[in-house]
């Protein structure tokens, strides 16, 4: 039931956007009664947060390849692959366009990114332990540096986003981190 509801929520967001999403629509799509949803998620915003967090955690998993370059490369390529699908583009559009005028969606977006930063911490911790990154490297700043060129192309310039974009993002992020530019504080 949980998986069906979360998948239905992502589909509803993709097709209708956040502003038009209803618990009734999600329930109908998932084949459950809306009280089932409310028993598990107290609000529609909690449902959306859980659905988006789970969606991106599954589509953009945190890798453990044995090297920071491999981990960041896998992470960047998974982000590119996810965000260039019709669903990824629709979710990005929803989060960006509605977050400015809908405070609950802004909070959801914030929670989504905080979850991604928290999940990426082991990548930096392992890289520091292996001596690949300086000890004070900030995981959140590293992830921000990694995804910024990808999102910039997706959102602002509409340039192609592909493996080359991912590889360049990794190279720039590693150079900045190794130079000490991504330290905590």
C-alpha atoms as a PDB file:
ATOM      1  CA  UNK A   1       0.000   0.000   0.000  1.00  0.00           C
ATOM      2  CA  UNK A   2       2.759   2.434   0.980  1.00  0.00           C
ATOM      3  CA  UNK A   3       4.653   1.977  -2.292  1.00  0.00           C
ATOM      4  CA  UNK A   4       1.445   2.366  -4.320  1.00  0.00           C
ATOM      5  CA  UNK A   5       0.507   5.595  -2.534  1.00  0.00           C
ATOM      6  CA  UNK A   6       3.972   7.095  -2.882  1.00  0.00           C
ATOM      7  CA  UNK A   7       4.143   6.174  -6.570  1.00  0.00           C
ATOM      8  CA  UNK A   8       0.660   7.615  -7.111  1.00  0.00           C
ATOM      9  CA  UNK A   9       1.732  10.823  -5.389  1.00  0.00           C
ATOM     10  CA  UNK A  10       4.738  11.226  -7.686  1.00  0.00           C
ATOM     11  CA  UNK A  11       2.541  10.541 -10.712  1.00  0.00           C
ATOM     12  CA  UNK A  12      -0.042  13.084  -9.548  1.00  0.00           C
ATOM     13  CA  UNK A  13       2.681  15.674  -9.003  1.00  0.00           C
ATOM     14  CA  UNK A  14       4.098  14.924 -12.443  1.00  0.00           C
ATOM     15  CA  UNK A  15       0.744  15.197 -14.186  1.00  0.00           C
ATOM     16  CA  UNK A  16      -1.078  17.894 -12.205  1.00  0.00           C
ATOM     17  CA  UNK A  17       1.520  19.750 -10.154  1.00  0.00           C
ATOM     18  CA  UNK A  18       1.558  20.472  -6.453  1.00  0.00           C
ATOM     19  CA  UNK A  19      -1.206  23.095  -6.441  1.00  0.00           C
ATOM     20  CA  UNK A  20      -3.727  20.715  -8.029  1.00  0.00           C
ATOM     21  CA  UNK A  21      -2.708  17.602  -6.069  1.00  0.00           C
ATOM     22  CA  UNK A  22      -5.423  16.179  -3.827  1.00  0.00           C
ATOM     23  CA  UNK A  23      -5.395  13.291  -1.395  1.00  0.00           C
ATOM     24  CA  UNK A  24      -8.547  12.049  -3.126  1.00  0.00           C
ATOM     25  CA  UNK A  25      -6.744  11.965  -6.483  1.00  0.00           C
ATOM     26  CA  UNK A  26      -3.785  10.117  -4.983  1.00  0.00           C
ATOM     27  CA  UNK A  27      -6.104   7.640  -3.240  1.00  0.00           C
ATOM     28  CA  UNK A  28      -8.019   6.925  -6.436  1.00  0.00           C
ATOM     29  CA  UNK A  29      -4.813   6.441  -8.420  1.00  0.00           C
ATOM     30  CA  UNK A  30      -3.329   4.176  -5.714  1.00  0.00           C
ATOM     31  CA  UNK A  31      -6.529   2.158  -5.323  1.00  0.00           C
ATOM     32  CA  UNK A  32      -6.930   2.942  -1.614  1.00  0.00           C
ATOM     33  CA  UNK A  33      -9.369   4.959   0.457  1.00  0.00           C
ATOM     34  CA  UNK A  34      -8.277   8.460   1.432  1.00  0.00           C
ATOM     35  CA  UNK A  35      -8.553   7.548   5.129  1.00  0.00           C
ATOM     36  CA  UNK A  36      -5.758   5.032   4.534  1.00  0.00           C
ATOM     37  CA  UNK A  37      -3.580   7.880   3.375  1.00  0.00           C
ATOM     38  CA  UNK A  38      -4.495  10.119   6.303  1.00  0.00           C
ATOM     39  CA  UNK A  39      -3.741   7.298   8.758  1.00  0.00           C
ATOM     40  CA  UNK A  40      -0.201   7.091   7.400  1.00  0.00           C
ATOM     41  CA  UNK A  41       0.430  10.735   6.500  1.00  0.00           C
ATOM     42  CA  UNK A  42      -1.210  13.409   8.631  1.00  0.00           C
ATOM     43  CA  UNK A  43      -1.138  16.020   5.857  1.00  0.00           C
ATOM     44  CA  UNK A  44      -0.861  16.159   2.101  1.00  0.00           C
ATOM     45  CA  UNK A  45       2.442  18.014   2.536  1.00  0.00           C
ATOM     46  CA  UNK A  46       3.844  15.152   4.636  1.00  0.00           C
ATOM     47  CA  UNK A  47       2.779  12.765   1.875  1.00  0.00           C
ATOM     48  CA  UNK A  48       4.440  14.875  -0.824  1.00  0.00           C
ATOM     49  CA  UNK A  49       7.635  15.204   1.217  1.00  0.00           C
ATOM     50  CA  UNK A  50       7.797  11.453   1.765  1.00  0.00           C
ATOM     51  CA  UNK A  51       7.026  10.711  -1.890  1.00  0.00           C
ATOM     52  CA  UNK A  52       9.644  13.091  -3.288  1.00  0.00           C
ATOM     53  CA  UNK A  53      12.307  12.098  -0.790  1.00  0.00           C
ATOM     54  CA  UNK A  54      11.746   8.426  -1.559  1.00  0.00           C
ATOM     55  CA  UNK A  55      11.604   9.028  -5.300  1.00  0.00           C
ATOM     56  CA  UNK A  56      14.935  10.838  -5.427  1.00  0.00           C
ATOM     57  CA  UNK A  57      16.565   8.450  -2.950  1.00  0.00           C
ATOM     58  CA  UNK A  58      15.634   5.541  -5.219  1.00  0.00           C
ATOM     59  CA  UNK A  59      16.478   7.271  -8.517  1.00  0.00           C
ATOM     60  CA  UNK A  60      19.639   8.989  -7.267  1.00  0.00           C
ATOM     61  CA  UNK A  61      21.104   6.563  -4.717  1.00  0.00           C
ATOM     62  CA  UNK A  62      24.208   7.413  -2.741  1.00  0.00           C
ATOM     63  CA  UNK A  63      26.961   5.219  -4.222  1.00  0.00           C
ATOM     64  CA  UNK A  64      29.966   3.517  -2.632  1.00  0.00           C
ATOM     65  CA  UNK A  65      32.396   2.804  -5.460  1.00  0.00           C
ATOM     66  CA  UNK A  66      35.576   2.934  -3.393  1.00  0.00           C
ATOM     67  CA  UNK A  67      36.714   6.340  -4.606  1.00  0.00           C
ATOM     68  CA  UNK A  68      35.373   9.853  -4.245  1.00  0.00           C
ATOM     69  CA  UNK A  69      35.661  10.422  -7.985  1.00  0.00           C
ATOM     70  CA  UNK A  70      33.658   7.263  -8.667  1.00  0.00           C
ATOM     71  CA  UNK A  71      31.058   8.128  -6.028  1.00  0.00           C
ATOM     72  CA  UNK A  72      30.567  11.681  -7.276  1.00  0.00           C
ATOM     73  CA  UNK A  73      30.509  10.494 -10.882  1.00  0.00           C
ATOM     74  CA  UNK A  74      27.817   7.929 -10.134  1.00  0.00           C
ATOM     75  CA  UNK A  75      25.834  10.483  -8.155  1.00  0.00           C
ATOM     76  CA  UNK A  76      26.062  13.144 -10.880  1.00  0.00           C
ATOM     77  CA  UNK A  77      25.194  10.696 -13.685  1.00  0.00           C
ATOM     78  CA  UNK A  78      22.192   9.377 -11.733  1.00  0.00           C
ATOM     79  CA  UNK A  79      20.988  12.940 -11.155  1.00  0.00           C
ATOM     80  CA  UNK A  80      21.337  13.739 -14.859  1.00  0.00           C
ATOM     81  CA  UNK A  81      19.510  10.539 -15.819  1.00  0.00           C
ATOM     82  CA  UNK A  82      16.665  11.247 -13.400  1.00  0.00           C
ATOM     83  CA  UNK A  83      16.227  14.932 -14.109  1.00  0.00           C
ATOM     84  CA  UNK A  84      16.177  14.489 -17.886  1.00  0.00           C
ATOM     85  CA  UNK A  85      13.211  12.105 -17.817  1.00  0.00           C
ATOM     86  CA  UNK A  86       9.739  13.551 -18.368  1.00  0.00           C
ATOM     87  CA  UNK A  87       8.899  12.848 -14.714  1.00  0.00           C
ATOM     88  CA  UNK A  88      12.126  14.458 -13.492  1.00  0.00           C
ATOM     89  CA  UNK A  89      11.532  17.583 -15.547  1.00  0.00           C
ATOM     90  CA  UNK A  90       7.912  17.797 -14.399  1.00  0.00           C
ATOM     91  CA  UNK A  91       8.882  17.419 -10.742  1.00  0.00           C
ATOM     92  CA  UNK A  92      11.623  20.019 -11.128  1.00  0.00           C
ATOM     93  CA  UNK A  93       9.188  22.430 -12.748  1.00  0.00           C
ATOM     94  CA  UNK A  94       6.644  21.838  -9.993  1.00  0.00           C
ATOM     95  CA  UNK A  95       9.129  22.383  -7.192  1.00  0.00           C
ATOM     96  CA  UNK A  96      10.638  25.479  -8.773  1.00  0.00           C
ATOM     97  CA  UNK A  97       7.549  27.216 -10.103  1.00  0.00           C
ATOM     98  CA  UNK A  98       5.239  26.673  -7.158  1.00  0.00           C
ATOM     99  CA  UNK A  99       7.755  26.964  -4.294  1.00  0.00           C
ATOM    100  CA  UNK A 100       7.932  30.738  -4.598  1.00  0.00           C
ATOM    101  CA  UNK A 101       4.216  31.265  -4.114  1.00  0.00           C
ATOM    102  CA  UNK A 102       3.334  28.262  -1.949  1.00  0.00           C
ATOM    103  CA  UNK A 103       5.181  28.240   1.400  1.00  0.00           C
ATOM    104  CA  UNK A 104       4.386  24.576   2.147  1.00  0.00           C
ATOM    105  CA  UNK A 105       6.082  23.549  -1.105  1.00  0.00           C
ATOM    106  CA  UNK A 106       9.108  25.679  -0.223  1.00  0.00           C
ATOM    107  CA  UNK A 107       9.329  23.719   3.035  1.00  0.00           C
ATOM    108  CA  UNK A 108       9.037  20.450   1.125  1.00  0.00           C
ATOM    109  CA  UNK A 109      11.823  21.518  -1.223  1.00  0.00           C
ATOM    110  CA  UNK A 110      13.992  22.413   1.752  1.00  0.00           C
ATOM    111  CA  UNK A 111      13.323  19.033   3.403  1.00  0.00           C
ATOM    112  CA  UNK A 112      14.107  17.251   0.133  1.00  0.00           C
ATOM    113  CA  UNK A 113      17.506  18.916  -0.206  1.00  0.00           C
ATOM    114  CA  UNK A 114      18.324  18.444   3.474  1.00  0.00           C
ATOM    115  CA  UNK A 115      17.628  14.734   3.027  1.00  0.00           C
ATOM    116  CA  UNK A 116      19.967  14.606   0.019  1.00  0.00           C
ATOM    117  CA  UNK A 117      22.722  16.394   1.957  1.00  0.00           C
ATOM    118  CA  UNK A 118      22.318  14.024   4.904  1.00  0.00           C
ATOM    119  CA  UNK A 119      22.420  10.959   2.653  1.00  0.00           C
ATOM    120  CA  UNK A 120      25.592  12.216   0.926  1.00  0.00           C
ATOM    121  CA  UNK A 121      27.541  12.648   4.161  1.00  0.00           C
ATOM    122  CA  UNK A 122      29.003   9.097   3.983  1.00  0.00           C
ATOM    123  CA  UNK A 123      30.521   9.874   0.560  1.00  0.00           C
ATOM    124  CA  UNK A 124      32.520  12.722   2.082  1.00  0.00           C
ATOM    125  CA  UNK A 125      33.286  10.848   5.307  1.00  0.00           C
ATOM    126  CA  UNK A 126      34.699   7.893   3.369  1.00  0.00           C
ATOM    127  CA  UNK A 127      36.694  10.193   1.062  1.00  0.00           C
ATOM    128  CA  UNK A 128      38.216  12.027   4.051  1.00  0.00           C
ATOM    129  CA  UNK A 129      39.075   8.702   5.716  1.00  0.00           C
ATOM    130  CA  UNK A 130      40.809   7.551   2.496  1.00  0.00           C
ATOM    131  CA  UNK A 131      42.732  10.836   2.304  1.00  0.00           C
ATOM    132  CA  UNK A 132      41.016  11.909  -0.917  1.00  0.00           C
ATOM    133  CA  UNK A 133      39.506  15.093   0.528  1.00  0.00           C
ATOM    134  CA  UNK A 134      40.612  17.563   3.212  1.00  0.00           C
ATOM    135  CA  UNK A 135      39.316  16.697   6.714  1.00  0.00           C
ATOM    136  CA  UNK A 136      37.055  19.750   7.072  1.00  0.00           C
ATOM    137  CA  UNK A 137      35.170  19.222   3.784  1.00  0.00           C
ATOM    138  CA  UNK A 138      31.494  20.082   4.264  1.00  0.00           C
ATOM    139  CA  UNK A 139      29.231  17.384   2.747  1.00  0.00           C
ATOM    140  CA  UNK A 140      26.392  19.810   2.008  1.00  0.00           C
ATOM    141  CA  UNK A 141      28.703  22.286   0.284  1.00  0.00           C
ATOM    142  CA  UNK A 142      30.237  19.482  -1.748  1.00  0.00           C
ATOM    143  CA  UNK A 143      26.822  18.278  -2.935  1.00  0.00           C
ATOM    144  CA  UNK A 144      25.763  21.846  -3.738  1.00  0.00           C
ATOM    145  CA  UNK A 145      28.921  22.345  -5.813  1.00  0.00           C
ATOM    146  CA  UNK A 146      28.300  19.040  -7.606  1.00  0.00           C
ATOM    147  CA  UNK A 147      24.667  19.627  -8.544  1.00  0.00           C
ATOM    148  CA  UNK A 148      24.866  23.372  -9.268  1.00  0.00           C
ATOM    149  CA  UNK A 149      26.159  23.078 -12.858  1.00  0.00           C
ATOM    150  CA  UNK A 150      23.566  20.409 -13.626  1.00  0.00           C
ATOM    151  CA  UNK A 151      20.638  22.396 -12.242  1.00  0.00           C
ATOM    152  CA  UNK A 152      21.956  25.593 -13.855  1.00  0.00           C
ATOM    153  CA  UNK A 153      21.708  23.988 -17.285  1.00  0.00           C
ATOM    154  CA  UNK A 154      18.332  22.404 -16.531  1.00  0.00           C
ATOM    155  CA  UNK A 155      16.750  25.534 -15.092  1.00  0.00           C
ATOM    156  CA  UNK A 156      18.430  28.584 -16.582  1.00  0.00           C
ATOM    157  CA  UNK A 157      20.207  27.921 -19.853  1.00  0.00           C
ATOM    158  CA  UNK A 158      18.317  24.873 -21.202  1.00  0.00           C
ATOM    159  CA  UNK A 159      21.641  23.566 -22.517  1.00  0.00           C
ATOM    160  CA  UNK A 160      21.946  19.822 -23.014  1.00  0.00           C
ATOM    161  CA  UNK A 161      22.543  17.878 -19.818  1.00  0.00           C
ATOM    162  CA  UNK A 162      24.385  14.612 -20.273  1.00  0.00           C
ATOM    163  CA  UNK A 163      27.336  12.541 -19.104  1.00  0.00           C
ATOM    164  CA  UNK A 164      29.766  15.274 -20.085  1.00  0.00           C
ATOM    165  CA  UNK A 165      27.897  17.705 -17.855  1.00  0.00           C
ATOM    166  CA  UNK A 166      28.127  15.207 -15.006  1.00  0.00           C
ATOM    167  CA  UNK A 167      31.851  14.607 -15.564  1.00  0.00           C
ATOM    168  CA  UNK A 168      32.612  18.336 -15.625  1.00  0.00           C
ATOM    169  CA  UNK A 169      30.614  18.864 -12.444  1.00  0.00           C
ATOM    170  CA  UNK A 170      32.681  16.143 -10.742  1.00  0.00           C
ATOM    171  CA  UNK A 171      35.982  17.639 -11.916  1.00  0.00           C
ATOM    172  CA  UNK A 172      35.079  21.138 -10.732  1.00  0.00           C
ATOM    173  CA  UNK A 173      33.738  19.872  -7.403  1.00  0.00           C
ATOM    174  CA  UNK A 174      36.827  17.786  -6.705  1.00  0.00           C
ATOM    175  CA  UNK A 175      39.144  20.664  -7.595  1.00  0.00           C
ATOM    176  CA  UNK A 176      37.250  23.010  -5.279  1.00  0.00           C
ATOM    177  CA  UNK A 177      37.126  20.477  -2.446  1.00  0.00           C
ATOM    178  CA  UNK A 178      40.807  19.569  -2.720  1.00  0.00           C
ATOM    179  CA  UNK A 179      41.716  23.270  -2.762  1.00  0.00           C
ATOM    180  CA  UNK A 180      39.862  23.670   0.539  1.00  0.00           C
ATOM    181  CA  UNK A 181      37.063  25.807  -0.911  1.00  0.00           C
ATOM    182  CA  UNK A 182      34.316  23.494   0.401  1.00  0.00           C
ATOM    183  CA  UNK A 183      35.288  23.473   4.078  1.00  0.00           C
ATOM    184  CA  UNK A 184      32.715  23.551   6.867  1.00  0.00           C
ATOM    185  CA  UNK A 185      31.960  26.948   8.353  1.00  0.00           C
END
